[in-house]
């Protein structure tokens, strides 16, 4: 994997070309030892992107044998040509059985070739379970990159298949079961020996193997490149690290929302979900009978935002869980669940105002009668009498569940992505003139959606936030950066300079 002459960004394809599935006859495989006669797997592969600064081998392992196979006994190797002196970092973006059950280590081939001198070995922990005959692992979406984030060229890599835009059997990755190779063809001169290794006594290590050079550079984007990343790993709303990391949990009153509503810090909580920490914003109300606006004295809203405005062009990303149904009580309130970036309106219709929103309304509102997701790019507005200058795109469908939200801003456009696909592209006339802050909030537009006075509560959750200053990243590159931070145990970084 050699440095390219130019930086080619990794892209997730939104329309996949049909690909020929390569069927492998017996002559294409390394001869199988007798010990593996009843334990066989096939590896299906597709590439998640070409060029750029990271490789993306996506795999699925199928049990083609007659007996159940513990996944902890399965190892898959992807072969590539390394850059001299370079070290590499691995990340799992997503796996059906969970990324915490997937391991990745790098090794060096004893017989280097023009197309391969390194490999990424993928394994599974004991908690991943077993594969019954005919079953498969489902998607295992992996990425790796140079530890210094220098660009890569995958086209000289042994295992890389640029035509594999859909899963198909792939002989240029190999698989072993219990140390015995049962699938694929190794690069010439690196044929396996049939001697199995010792039975493992625990999960496969995730640190580099002794044959892989130790890291010579950072394994996350270097400090000073202008990155904010927060995994929201806090003990509670009073954790002093929240303020130390530049966040404010809003308190007191004021808009948006129903009159007399309050913003309540204690309704912002943090808890582990699997390996990750998740921030929950809880909004509650008892309503006020049949009022369309009425008193919001019982309404407790939530907002978390950066305390300074220093974010402008670049990439904004967050993983957010929207909810259609309340966590408790009757449904129907006109609720807004959001992730956005904004600065202040200096004066009505001021032309240096900026605001860019992901806003989900699970029960409608603003004239909508059902769930709708808005992305809105603001040039300016006047509160009274109301006048707005903005561009918006909407989808009138349920968005309940976790979503990857990405916004990119360069000098030509604003582009919004939902779960890896472009959702909206807004004009350059709406680009920001001044720095902004980053916000998450959940609030009620009015009290007309649900006229009951029965208490109810709604929850919006946030897994992480990422901003990369002055760089436009694809959703795949966002996922890879987040995975790298997590694999290195980095819960927070802020190297974005003050404005």
Protein backbone atom coordinates (compact mmCIF):
# COMPACT_ATOMS: atom_id res chain seq x y z
CA UNK A 1 0.00 0.00 0.00
CA UNK A 2 2.04 2.90 -1.28
CA UNK A 3 1.57 6.63 -0.96
CA UNK A 4 -0.55 8.02 -3.78
CA UNK A 5 0.57 11.07 -5.73
CA UNK A 6 -2.64 12.81 -4.75
CA UNK A 7 -5.11 12.48 -1.90
CA UNK A 8 -8.17 10.64 -3.12
CA UNK A 9 -11.02 10.76 -0.63
CA UNK A 10 -12.70 7.54 0.42
CA UNK A 11 -16.33 7.45 -0.68
CA UNK A 12 -19.32 5.31 0.18
CA UNK A 13 -21.18 4.53 -3.02
CA UNK A 14 -24.88 5.39 -3.02
CA UNK A 15 -25.54 3.30 -6.10
CA UNK A 16 -23.63 0.04 -6.31
CA UNK A 17 -22.80 -1.38 -9.70
CA UNK A 18 -23.61 -5.03 -10.23
CA UNK A 19 -20.51 -7.13 -9.73
CA UNK A 20 -19.66 -10.60 -10.96
CA UNK A 21 -19.50 -13.07 -8.10
CA UNK A 22 -16.33 -15.05 -8.48
CA UNK A 23 -16.87 -18.77 -8.04
CA UNK A 24 -13.80 -20.66 -6.88
CA UNK A 25 -13.11 -24.19 -8.01
CA UNK A 26 -10.94 -26.62 -6.12
CA UNK A 27 -7.92 -25.67 -8.21
CA UNK A 28 -8.08 -22.11 -6.94
CA UNK A 29 -7.62 -23.10 -3.31
CA UNK A 30 -4.61 -24.16 -1.35
CA UNK A 31 -4.87 -27.91 -0.72
CA UNK A 32 -6.73 -28.54 2.50
CA UNK A 33 -5.26 -30.72 5.25
CA UNK A 34 -7.33 -33.74 6.18
CA UNK A 35 -7.92 -32.32 9.66
CA UNK A 36 -10.10 -29.59 8.13
CA UNK A 37 -12.30 -31.90 6.07
CA UNK A 38 -15.45 -31.20 8.10
CA UNK A 39 -14.58 -27.63 9.14
CA UNK A 40 -14.73 -25.31 6.16
CA UNK A 41 -15.54 -21.65 5.68
CA UNK A 42 -15.79 -19.31 2.71
CA UNK A 43 -14.97 -15.61 2.89
CA UNK A 44 -17.01 -13.11 0.94
CA UNK A 45 -15.57 -9.66 0.37
CA UNK A 46 -16.50 -6.25 -0.95
CA UNK A 47 -14.53 -3.04 -0.80
CA UNK A 48 -15.91 -0.08 1.11
CA UNK A 49 -13.88 2.52 -0.82
CA UNK A 50 -10.89 3.16 -3.04
CA UNK A 51 -7.85 5.35 -2.52
CA UNK A 52 -7.95 8.09 0.09
CA UNK A 53 -6.19 7.73 3.41
CA UNK A 54 -7.67 4.41 4.50
CA UNK A 55 -8.53 0.95 3.20
CA UNK A 56 -11.96 -0.57 3.79
CA UNK A 57 -12.18 -4.36 3.49
CA UNK A 58 -15.72 -5.50 4.29
CA UNK A 59 -16.05 -9.23 4.96
CA UNK A 60 -18.50 -11.94 5.86
CA UNK A 61 -17.55 -15.48 6.84
CA UNK A 62 -19.78 -18.42 5.87
CA UNK A 63 -19.67 -21.89 7.42
CA UNK A 64 -19.62 -24.23 4.40
CA UNK A 65 -18.83 -27.33 6.46
CA UNK A 66 -20.88 -29.94 8.24
CA UNK A 67 -20.18 -28.99 11.86
CA UNK A 68 -20.62 -25.91 14.02
CA UNK A 69 -17.48 -23.77 14.27
CA UNK A 70 -16.57 -21.55 17.26
CA UNK A 71 -15.79 -18.14 15.78
CA UNK A 72 -12.91 -17.74 18.23
CA UNK A 73 -11.14 -20.43 16.15
CA UNK A 74 -11.56 -18.49 12.87
CA UNK A 75 -8.90 -16.10 11.54
CA UNK A 76 -9.13 -14.18 8.26
CA UNK A 77 -6.14 -12.47 6.62
CA UNK A 78 -6.25 -9.52 4.21
CA UNK A 79 -2.89 -8.97 2.45
CA UNK A 80 -1.44 -5.62 1.38
CA UNK A 81 1.78 -3.85 0.42
CA UNK A 82 3.00 -1.67 3.26
CA UNK A 83 4.90 1.58 3.00
CA UNK A 84 8.50 1.34 4.24
CA UNK A 85 8.71 2.16 7.95
CA UNK A 86 4.97 2.83 8.25
CA UNK A 87 2.74 1.49 11.01
CA UNK A 88 -0.99 0.96 10.68
CA UNK A 89 -4.11 1.34 12.82
CA UNK A 90 -7.23 -0.80 12.58
CA UNK A 91 -10.88 0.07 13.19
CA UNK A 92 -14.18 -1.79 13.07
CA UNK A 93 -16.97 0.51 11.85
CA UNK A 94 -19.84 -1.94 12.23
CA UNK A 95 -20.41 -5.67 12.64
CA UNK A 96 -23.61 -7.67 12.96
CA UNK A 97 -22.15 -9.52 15.95
CA UNK A 98 -20.75 -6.31 17.43
CA UNK A 99 -17.39 -4.62 16.88
CA UNK A 100 -16.39 -5.48 20.44
CA UNK A 101 -16.42 -9.14 19.36
CA UNK A 102 -14.09 -8.52 16.39
CA UNK A 103 -10.30 -8.21 16.70
CA UNK A 104 -7.68 -6.93 14.28
CA UNK A 105 -3.89 -7.33 14.34
CA UNK A 106 -1.18 -6.64 11.78
CA UNK A 107 1.62 -8.98 10.76
CA UNK A 108 4.52 -9.22 8.29
CA UNK A 109 4.80 -11.95 5.67
CA UNK A 110 7.89 -14.16 5.76
CA UNK A 111 8.01 -14.13 1.93
CA UNK A 112 7.31 -10.56 0.73
CA UNK A 113 6.01 -10.15 -2.82
CA UNK A 114 5.45 -7.16 -5.09
CA UNK A 115 1.80 -7.05 -3.97
CA UNK A 116 2.02 -8.06 -0.31
CA UNK A 117 4.40 -7.88 2.63
CA UNK A 118 1.86 -7.21 5.40
CA UNK A 119 -1.52 -8.53 6.44
CA UNK A 120 -4.43 -7.56 8.64
CA UNK A 121 -5.59 -10.61 10.60
CA UNK A 122 -9.21 -10.48 11.69
CA UNK A 123 -10.45 -12.68 14.51
CA UNK A 124 -13.36 -13.05 16.90
CA UNK A 125 -13.67 -13.27 20.66
CA UNK A 126 -15.29 -16.18 22.44
CA UNK A 127 -18.35 -13.98 23.04
CA UNK A 128 -18.99 -13.89 19.26
CA UNK A 129 -20.36 -17.42 19.54
CA UNK A 130 -20.39 -20.13 16.88
CA UNK A 131 -21.35 -20.51 13.24
CA UNK A 132 -23.79 -23.31 12.50
CA UNK A 133 -23.48 -25.09 9.13
CA UNK A 134 -24.70 -22.73 6.43
CA UNK A 135 -24.70 -19.67 8.72
CA UNK A 136 -22.62 -16.54 8.25
CA UNK A 137 -21.29 -13.74 10.43
CA UNK A 138 -23.16 -11.00 8.59
CA UNK A 139 -21.36 -7.78 7.73
CA UNK A 140 -17.97 -7.09 9.28
CA UNK A 141 -17.11 -3.58 8.07
CA UNK A 142 -13.45 -2.82 8.72
CA UNK A 143 -11.03 0.00 7.97
CA UNK A 144 -7.32 0.58 8.46
CA UNK A 145 -4.97 3.45 7.78
CA UNK A 146 -1.42 4.59 8.30
CA UNK A 147 -0.94 5.72 11.88
CA UNK A 148 0.19 9.14 10.62
CA UNK A 149 -2.86 9.42 8.30
CA UNK A 150 -0.73 9.76 5.16
CA UNK A 151 -2.55 8.90 1.90
CA UNK A 152 -2.66 5.34 0.57
CA UNK A 153 -2.86 3.67 -2.80
CA UNK A 154 -4.68 0.33 -2.54
CA UNK A 155 -4.32 -0.64 -6.18
CA UNK A 156 -1.03 -2.53 -5.66
CA UNK A 157 -2.45 -4.59 -2.76
CA UNK A 158 -2.83 -8.35 -3.18
CA UNK A 159 -6.25 -8.62 -1.51
CA UNK A 160 -7.80 -5.44 -2.88
CA UNK A 161 -10.64 -6.01 -5.37
CA UNK A 162 -11.84 -2.73 -6.93
CA UNK A 163 -14.55 -4.54 -8.91
CA UNK A 164 -16.01 -6.10 -5.74
CA UNK A 165 -18.77 -3.56 -5.11
CA UNK A 166 -21.04 -6.35 -3.89
CA UNK A 167 -20.20 -9.29 -1.66
CA UNK A 168 -18.72 -12.29 -3.46
CA UNK A 169 -16.39 -15.20 -2.74
CA UNK A 170 -12.82 -13.90 -2.73
CA UNK A 171 -9.79 -16.17 -2.88
CA UNK A 172 -7.28 -13.39 -2.18
CA UNK A 173 -8.19 -13.38 1.49
CA UNK A 174 -7.48 -16.51 3.50
CA UNK A 175 -9.20 -18.15 6.45
CA UNK A 176 -8.02 -20.64 9.01
CA UNK A 177 -9.99 -22.70 11.53
CA UNK A 178 -7.96 -23.75 14.54
CA UNK A 179 -4.77 -22.73 12.74
CA UNK A 180 -5.50 -24.85 9.63
CA UNK A 181 -6.04 -22.94 6.39
CA UNK A 182 -9.41 -23.83 4.85
CA UNK A 183 -10.00 -20.98 2.40
CA UNK A 184 -8.14 -18.80 -0.07
CA UNK A 185 -4.73 -18.54 -1.67
CA UNK A 186 -1.84 -16.86 0.11
CA UNK A 187 0.62 -14.66 -1.80
CA UNK A 188 3.27 -16.83 -3.50
CA UNK A 189 5.94 -18.14 -1.15
CA UNK A 190 3.79 -17.82 1.97
CA UNK A 191 1.92 -21.12 1.94
CA UNK A 192 0.80 -22.20 5.42
CA UNK A 193 2.05 -25.11 7.47
CA UNK A 194 -0.65 -27.45 8.77
CA UNK A 195 0.49 -27.28 12.41
CA UNK A 196 -2.23 -25.66 14.49
CA UNK A 197 -1.33 -23.13 17.18
CA UNK A 198 -1.95 -23.66 20.88
CA UNK A 199 -5.57 -23.44 21.90
CA UNK A 200 -6.24 -19.82 22.93
CA UNK A 201 -7.16 -19.18 26.55
CA UNK A 202 -8.76 -15.78 26.04
CA UNK A 203 -9.67 -13.17 23.45
CA UNK A 204 -7.18 -12.53 20.66
CA UNK A 205 -4.96 -9.55 21.55
CA UNK A 206 -5.73 -6.34 19.73
CA UNK A 207 -2.21 -4.92 20.02
CA UNK A 208 0.20 -5.17 17.04
CA UNK A 209 1.97 -8.48 16.61
CA UNK A 210 5.73 -8.52 17.29
CA UNK A 211 6.41 -8.60 13.56
CA UNK A 212 4.57 -5.34 12.96
CA UNK A 213 6.64 -2.15 13.49
CA UNK A 214 5.67 -0.26 16.60
CA UNK A 215 3.80 2.96 15.90
CA UNK A 216 6.10 5.80 14.90
CA UNK A 217 3.40 8.46 14.80
CA UNK A 218 0.05 9.32 16.34
CA UNK A 219 -2.83 6.90 15.89
CA UNK A 220 -5.39 9.69 15.84
CA UNK A 221 -5.32 12.89 13.79
CA UNK A 222 -2.43 14.93 15.18
CA UNK A 223 -3.09 17.76 17.62
CA UNK A 224 -3.19 21.16 16.01
CA UNK A 225 -5.18 19.96 13.02
CA UNK A 226 -8.35 21.40 14.50
CA UNK A 227 -10.43 18.49 15.79
CA UNK A 228 -13.14 18.32 18.43
CA UNK A 229 -14.14 14.81 19.47
CA UNK A 230 -16.20 13.93 22.52
CA UNK A 231 -17.46 10.46 23.42
CA UNK A 232 -19.58 11.97 26.24
CA UNK A 233 -17.99 9.75 28.85
CA UNK A 234 -19.07 11.66 31.97
CA UNK A 235 -20.40 10.64 35.38
CA UNK A 236 -23.34 13.06 35.41
CA UNK A 237 -24.43 16.65 34.76
CA UNK A 238 -22.26 17.92 37.64
CA UNK A 239 -19.07 16.26 36.38
CA UNK A 240 -16.45 19.07 36.34
CA UNK A 241 -14.95 17.61 33.17
CA UNK A 242 -18.01 18.79 31.21
CA UNK A 243 -17.18 22.46 31.75
CA UNK A 244 -13.45 21.76 31.47
CA UNK A 245 -14.11 20.32 28.02
CA UNK A 246 -15.95 23.46 26.95
CA UNK A 247 -19.59 22.35 27.28
CA UNK A 248 -22.47 24.20 28.90
CA UNK A 249 -25.63 22.46 30.08
CA UNK A 250 -28.34 25.07 29.78
CA UNK A 251 -30.40 26.18 32.75
CA UNK A 252 -33.02 28.84 33.39
CA UNK A 253 -35.71 29.99 30.97
CA UNK A 254 -36.09 31.48 27.53
CA UNK A 255 -36.91 30.25 24.05
CA UNK A 256 -37.35 28.31 22.00
CA UNK A 257 -40.42 26.44 23.16
CA UNK A 258 -43.55 26.99 25.18
CA UNK A 259 -43.86 29.93 27.53
CA UNK A 260 -42.58 29.50 31.09
CA UNK A 261 -40.73 26.28 30.25
CA UNK A 262 -37.39 25.77 31.99
CA UNK A 263 -34.10 24.23 30.88
CA UNK A 264 -33.05 21.64 33.45
CA UNK A 265 -29.42 20.40 33.74
CA UNK A 266 -30.34 17.36 35.85
CA UNK A 267 -32.36 15.98 32.91
CA UNK A 268 -29.06 15.48 31.04
CA UNK A 269 -27.62 12.10 32.04
CA UNK A 270 -24.79 9.81 30.96
CA UNK A 271 -24.65 6.02 30.97
CA UNK A 272 -22.81 3.15 29.34
CA UNK A 273 -24.44 1.30 26.46
CA UNK A 274 -22.14 -1.56 25.60
CA UNK A 275 -18.61 -0.19 25.26
CA UNK A 276 -19.74 3.40 24.63
CA UNK A 277 -21.01 6.16 26.85
CA UNK A 278 -24.28 7.78 25.73
CA UNK A 279 -25.68 11.19 26.65
CA UNK A 280 -29.46 11.35 27.17
CA UNK A 281 -31.50 14.55 26.95
CA UNK A 282 -34.84 14.10 28.69
CA UNK A 283 -37.74 16.51 28.16
CA UNK A 284 -40.91 16.24 30.22
CA UNK A 285 -44.25 18.00 30.63
CA UNK A 286 -47.74 17.70 32.10
CA UNK A 287 -49.11 20.06 29.46
CA UNK A 288 -51.86 22.53 30.33
CA UNK A 289 -55.11 20.97 29.28
CA UNK A 290 -56.54 22.11 25.95
CA UNK A 291 -54.20 25.09 25.60
CA UNK A 292 -52.47 25.58 22.24
CA UNK A 293 -49.63 27.45 23.90
CA UNK A 294 -50.55 28.09 27.50
CA UNK A 295 -48.35 27.79 30.53
CA UNK A 296 -45.29 25.65 30.29
CA UNK A 297 -44.55 25.72 34.01
CA UNK A 298 -44.42 21.92 34.12
CA UNK A 299 -42.31 21.66 30.96
CA UNK A 300 -38.63 20.80 31.52
CA UNK A 301 -36.47 21.01 28.39
CA UNK A 302 -32.80 20.14 27.78
CA UNK A 303 -29.89 21.60 25.85
CA UNK A 304 -26.12 21.00 25.76
CA UNK A 305 -23.85 23.32 23.76
CA UNK A 306 -20.26 24.46 23.45
CA UNK A 307 -19.50 27.51 25.52
CA UNK A 308 -17.60 29.34 22.78
CA UNK A 309 -18.17 30.03 19.11
CA UNK A 310 -15.13 28.81 17.20
CA UNK A 311 -16.52 26.41 14.58
CA UNK A 312 -17.03 27.40 10.97
CA UNK A 313 -16.02 25.48 7.82
CA UNK A 314 -15.25 21.78 7.87
CA UNK A 315 -17.12 18.67 8.96
CA UNK A 316 -19.69 18.28 11.75
CA UNK A 317 -20.86 14.82 12.76
CA UNK A 318 -22.83 13.13 15.52
CA UNK A 319 -24.55 9.83 16.14
CA UNK A 320 -28.01 10.62 17.47
CA UNK A 321 -30.99 8.50 18.49
CA UNK A 322 -34.37 10.02 17.69
CA UNK A 323 -37.53 8.62 19.28
CA UNK A 324 -41.11 8.54 17.97
CA UNK A 325 -42.66 7.39 21.25
CA UNK A 326 -42.24 8.90 24.70
CA UNK A 327 -40.18 7.12 27.32
CA UNK A 328 -43.26 7.34 29.55
CA UNK A 329 -46.77 8.72 29.39
CA UNK A 330 -49.08 9.53 26.45
CA UNK A 331 -47.67 10.42 23.03
CA UNK A 332 -48.44 13.32 20.73
CA UNK A 333 -46.53 16.42 21.83
CA UNK A 334 -45.04 18.66 19.16
CA UNK A 335 -41.42 17.88 20.01
CA UNK A 336 -38.15 18.94 18.36
CA UNK A 337 -35.04 16.74 18.68
CA UNK A 338 -31.98 18.38 17.17
CA UNK A 339 -28.27 18.63 16.39
CA UNK A 340 -27.18 22.00 15.03
CA UNK A 341 -24.55 24.73 14.84
CA UNK A 342 -25.41 28.43 15.25
CA UNK A 343 -24.22 31.95 16.04
CA UNK A 344 -26.13 34.95 17.38
CA UNK A 345 -28.53 37.22 15.50
CA UNK A 346 -26.92 40.63 16.00
CA UNK A 347 -29.99 42.46 14.65
CA UNK A 348 -33.17 41.52 12.78
CA UNK A 349 -32.24 40.39 9.23
CA UNK A 350 -28.49 40.71 9.99
CA UNK A 351 -26.64 39.13 7.08
CA UNK A 352 -23.86 37.57 9.21
CA UNK A 353 -26.22 35.23 11.05
CA UNK A 354 -25.74 31.48 10.49
CA UNK A 355 -27.57 28.35 11.65
CA UNK A 356 -27.49 24.80 10.26
CA UNK A 357 -29.95 22.26 11.65
CA UNK A 358 -30.87 18.62 11.79
CA UNK A 359 -34.34 18.78 13.42
CA UNK A 360 -36.67 15.83 13.87
CA UNK A 361 -40.33 16.35 14.75
CA UNK A 362 -41.73 12.91 15.70
CA UNK A 363 -45.31 14.18 16.05
CA UNK A 364 -45.31 17.03 13.58
CA UNK A 365 -45.59 20.72 14.31
CA UNK A 366 -44.98 23.92 12.32
CA UNK A 367 -47.96 22.95 10.19
CA UNK A 368 -46.88 19.31 9.77
CA UNK A 369 -49.27 16.62 10.99
CA UNK A 370 -46.88 13.66 11.23
CA UNK A 371 -43.19 12.89 11.69
CA UNK A 372 -40.76 14.92 9.59
CA UNK A 373 -36.98 15.46 9.48
CA UNK A 374 -35.73 18.90 8.45
CA UNK A 375 -32.29 20.05 7.44
CA UNK A 376 -32.23 23.84 7.30
CA UNK A 377 -29.53 26.34 6.32
CA UNK A 378 -30.22 29.86 7.55
CA UNK A 379 -29.07 33.17 6.10
CA UNK A 380 -31.05 35.37 8.50
CA UNK A 381 -34.48 36.06 10.01
CA UNK A 382 -36.64 38.68 11.74
CA UNK A 383 -38.55 37.57 14.85
CA UNK A 384 -41.35 40.16 14.70
CA UNK A 385 -42.98 40.35 12.27
CA UNK A 386 -41.68 36.93 11.29
CA UNK A 387 -39.55 36.78 8.15
CA UNK A 388 -37.04 34.02 7.33
CA UNK A 389 -34.36 33.56 4.71
CA UNK A 390 -33.32 29.92 4.58
CA UNK A 391 -33.14 26.79 2.46
CA UNK A 392 -34.54 23.54 3.81
CA UNK A 393 -34.98 19.91 2.81
CA UNK A 394 -37.36 17.53 4.54
CA UNK A 395 -38.30 13.85 4.68
CA UNK A 396 -41.77 12.95 5.91
CA UNK A 397 -41.04 9.54 7.34
CA UNK A 398 -40.19 8.05 10.70
CA UNK A 399 -36.58 8.47 11.79
CA UNK A 400 -36.90 6.57 15.06
CA UNK A 401 -33.60 4.95 16.04
CA UNK A 402 -29.90 5.69 15.80
CA UNK A 403 -28.64 7.82 12.91
CA UNK A 404 -25.27 9.06 11.69
CA UNK A 405 -25.65 12.79 10.98
CA UNK A 406 -22.94 14.59 8.99
CA UNK A 407 -22.78 18.17 7.73
CA UNK A 408 -19.92 19.47 5.59
CA UNK A 409 -19.23 23.13 4.87
CA UNK A 410 -16.69 24.33 2.31
CA UNK A 411 -16.58 27.43 0.10
CA UNK A 412 -19.11 26.05 -2.41
CA UNK A 413 -21.97 24.37 -0.55
CA UNK A 414 -23.46 22.88 2.59
CA UNK A 415 -24.05 19.14 2.32
CA UNK A 416 -26.12 17.12 4.81
CA UNK A 417 -25.75 13.33 5.08
CA UNK A 418 -28.06 10.86 6.79
CA UNK A 419 -26.64 7.39 7.49
CA UNK A 420 -23.92 7.68 4.85
CA UNK A 421 -26.13 9.02 2.05
CA UNK A 422 -26.48 12.59 0.85
CA UNK A 423 -29.75 14.00 2.19
CA UNK A 424 -29.52 17.65 1.12
CA UNK A 425 -27.21 20.09 -0.67
CA UNK A 426 -27.74 23.78 0.01
CA UNK A 427 -26.44 26.82 -1.84
CA UNK A 428 -23.28 28.83 -1.19
CA UNK A 429 -25.36 31.91 -0.37
CA UNK A 430 -26.05 30.33 3.04
CA UNK A 431 -22.39 29.80 4.00
CA UNK A 432 -21.36 31.16 7.43
CA UNK A 433 -19.61 34.50 7.80
CA UNK A 434 -18.77 34.09 11.49
CA UNK A 435 -17.84 31.20 13.81
CA UNK A 436 -20.57 29.19 15.53
CA UNK A 437 -21.22 26.98 18.55
CA UNK A 438 -22.40 23.34 18.49
CA UNK A 439 -25.71 22.35 20.13
CA UNK A 440 -27.94 19.43 20.99
CA UNK A 441 -31.41 20.18 22.33
CA UNK A 442 -34.92 18.80 22.80
CA UNK A 443 -37.91 21.07 23.30
CA UNK A 444 -41.67 21.49 22.78
CA UNK A 445 -42.97 23.79 20.05
CA UNK A 446 -46.33 24.16 21.80
CA UNK A 447 -48.79 22.24 24.00
CA UNK A 448 -51.35 21.59 21.25
CA UNK A 449 -50.24 18.10 20.21
CA UNK A 450 -51.34 16.36 23.41
CA UNK A 451 -54.03 17.96 25.56
CA UNK A 452 -53.75 15.52 28.46
CA UNK A 453 -52.33 16.65 31.79
CA UNK A 454 -50.84 13.19 32.39
CA UNK A 455 -47.06 13.47 32.85
CA UNK A 456 -44.95 12.30 29.89
CA UNK A 457 -41.26 12.35 28.99
CA UNK A 458 -39.27 12.09 25.78
CA UNK A 459 -35.62 11.18 25.28
CA UNK A 460 -33.03 12.07 22.64
CA UNK A 461 -29.65 10.31 22.90
CA UNK A 462 -26.19 11.23 21.61
CA UNK A 463 -23.32 8.79 21.18
CA UNK A 464 -20.53 11.18 20.10
CA UNK A 465 -19.77 14.46 18.37
CA UNK A 466 -16.94 15.22 15.93
CA UNK A 467 -15.82 18.42 14.21
CA UNK A 468 -12.84 18.61 11.88
CA UNK A 469 -11.88 22.17 11.03
CA UNK A 470 -11.56 23.15 7.35
CA UNK A 471 -11.68 19.54 6.11
CA UNK A 472 -14.56 17.95 4.21
CA UNK A 473 -14.82 14.29 5.20
CA UNK A 474 -17.06 11.62 3.77
CA UNK A 475 -19.34 9.77 6.19
CA UNK A 476 -17.02 6.76 5.86
CA UNK A 477 -14.03 8.87 6.88
CA UNK A 478 -16.00 10.20 9.85
CA UNK A 479 -16.77 6.65 10.98
CA UNK A 480 -13.12 5.67 10.62
CA UNK A 481 -11.89 8.62 12.69
CA UNK A 482 -14.38 7.90 15.46
CA UNK A 483 -13.43 4.22 15.47
CA UNK A 484 -9.76 5.19 15.73
CA UNK A 485 -10.36 7.44 18.72
CA UNK A 486 -12.26 4.67 20.44
CA UNK A 487 -9.79 1.92 19.63
CA UNK A 488 -7.07 4.09 21.17
CA UNK A 489 -9.13 4.86 24.27
CA UNK A 490 -9.41 8.58 23.50
CA UNK A 491 -12.70 9.90 24.89
CA UNK A 492 -12.05 13.61 24.27
CA UNK A 493 -9.88 15.90 22.18
CA UNK A 494 -10.23 19.58 21.38
CA UNK A 495 -7.51 21.05 19.20
CA UNK A 496 -9.77 23.59 17.46
CA UNK A 497 -8.17 27.00 17.98
CA UNK A 498 -10.17 29.86 19.43
CA UNK A 499 -11.53 32.26 16.85
